Each structure stands twice: as C-alpha cells, then as structure tokens.
Amino acid sequence: MGKQIKMRSLDCRMFFVRPGRNRNVYSTASRLAGMERVREVIIAEGDVGFIVKTDALAENDTESLLRQISKVTGGSSAKAVCYCQLNK
C-alpha cells in the first residue's frame, strides 16, 4: 500500500528567473539570497536559471520584488502563487 498523500497550504511565492547573458550564476544566486523577503534560491538547469522562494506578499509588494529580482539578474522573471503542497 502506498503512502498517504498529505496536502498543506503554503505562505510563499515562487519566482522563475532567467538571468541575463554572461552573469555569474553563483554570485547572482548569492545576491538574490541576500535580498529582503527571500527565503531560498535554487539554481536550476534548463530554461529557468533560478527558482526564488519568498514570503507571501501583497500584490503590489510582489510586483516591486519582481522588479528588484529582474534588476539583480539582468534577465526576465515570472511569478507563481503557491497555493498548496502535496507530500508523501
């Protein structure tokens, strides 16, 4: 019998970030991690360069943080609102 799937609500936002050309991945990730309201930064392969997890924010604060992230990375960003997480 498989493990039971558990669902819990989340209090965060995720940003999917593609850095600009010729950016040092590790120094950019460190700068992102040092930003206020950022909880963690994941360096990813493929089309997305970073996944940035932040506190849950009001919409106008989210847009402001998204602009700050884009400024740090010199690239493009997209946001995703995190509603819930499923775990085994």
Protein backbone atom coordinates (compact mmCIF):
# COMPACT_ATOMS: atom_id res chain seq x y z
CA MET A 1 0.00 0.00 0.00
CA GLY A 2 1.39 3.44 -0.96
CA LYS A 3 1.98 6.29 1.40
CA GLN A 4 -0.87 8.66 2.07
CA ILE A 5 -0.62 11.98 0.24
CA LYS A 6 -0.81 14.98 2.58
CA MET A 7 -1.82 18.47 1.49
CA ARG A 8 -0.85 21.67 3.26
CA SER A 9 -1.32 25.31 2.40
CA LEU A 10 1.73 27.45 1.69
CA ASP A 11 2.59 31.00 2.64
CA CYS A 12 5.06 31.85 -0.10
CA ARG A 13 5.54 32.93 -3.67
CA MET A 14 7.88 31.43 -6.24
CA PHE A 15 9.63 33.35 -8.97
CA PHE A 16 11.08 31.63 -12.01
CA VAL A 17 14.07 33.63 -13.18
CA ARG A 18 16.14 33.52 -16.36
CA PRO A 19 19.33 35.53 -15.80
CA GLY A 20 20.83 37.85 -18.38
CA ARG A 21 23.75 36.75 -20.52
CA ASN A 22 27.22 36.50 -19.03
CA ARG A 23 26.02 36.56 -15.41
CA ASN A 24 27.97 34.58 -12.85
CA VAL A 25 25.43 32.06 -11.60
CA TYR A 26 26.80 31.73 -8.07
CA SER A 27 27.29 35.43 -7.36
CA THR A 28 23.85 36.20 -8.79
CA ALA A 29 22.29 33.47 -6.63
CA SER A 30 24.08 34.89 -3.58
CA ARG A 31 22.79 38.39 -4.33
CA LEU A 32 19.27 37.02 -4.70
CA ALA A 33 19.54 35.06 -1.43
CA GLY A 34 20.64 38.23 0.34
CA MET A 35 17.52 40.15 -0.66
CA GLU A 36 14.96 41.00 1.98
CA ARG A 37 11.91 38.66 1.95
CA VAL A 38 13.79 35.94 0.01
CA ARG A 39 13.71 32.57 1.80
CA GLU A 40 15.75 30.43 -0.60
CA VAL A 41 17.25 30.35 -4.07
CA ILE A 42 17.55 27.21 -6.19
CA ILE A 43 19.91 27.13 -9.15
CA ALA A 44 18.15 25.13 -11.87
CA GLU A 45 19.15 23.72 -15.24
CA GLY A 46 17.23 24.16 -18.46
CA ASP A 47 15.14 27.18 -19.40
CA VAL A 48 14.87 28.58 -15.87
CA GLY A 49 18.09 29.70 -14.20
CA PHE A 50 16.78 30.21 -10.66
CA ILE A 51 13.75 29.45 -8.58
CA VAL A 52 13.39 32.08 -5.87
CA LYS A 53 11.12 31.37 -2.91
CA THR A 54 9.87 34.41 -0.99
CA ASP A 55 7.46 35.33 1.75
CA ALA A 56 3.82 35.67 0.70
CA LEU A 57 3.33 39.29 -0.26
CA ALA A 58 0.53 41.65 -1.20
CA GLU A 59 0.21 42.05 -4.97
CA ASN A 60 1.85 45.49 -5.13
CA ASP A 61 4.75 44.24 -2.96
CA THR A 62 5.08 41.20 -5.21
CA GLU A 63 5.38 43.38 -8.32
CA SER A 64 8.01 45.52 -6.59
CA LEU A 65 10.04 42.45 -5.57
CA LEU A 66 9.74 41.03 -9.08
CA ARG A 67 11.28 44.24 -10.47
CA GLN A 68 14.10 44.04 -7.89
CA ILE A 69 14.80 40.41 -8.82
CA SER A 70 14.92 41.31 -12.52
CA LYS A 71 17.33 44.16 -11.76
CA VAL A 72 19.68 41.81 -9.84
CA THR A 73 19.63 39.12 -12.52
CA GLY A 74 19.57 41.34 -15.58
CA GLY A 75 17.09 38.94 -17.11
CA SER A 76 13.43 38.03 -17.14
CA SER A 77 11.25 36.77 -14.31
CA ALA A 78 7.82 35.24 -13.89
CA LYS A 79 5.87 34.64 -10.71
CA ALA A 80 3.73 31.81 -9.45
CA VAL A 81 1.43 31.99 -6.46
CA CYS A 82 1.84 28.94 -4.25
CA TYR A 83 -1.49 27.64 -3.07
CA CYS A 84 -0.71 24.23 -1.61
CA GLN A 85 1.87 21.48 -1.50
CA LEU A 86 1.31 17.73 -1.73
CA ASN A 87 3.72 15.43 0.10
CA LYS A 88 4.04 11.69 0.57
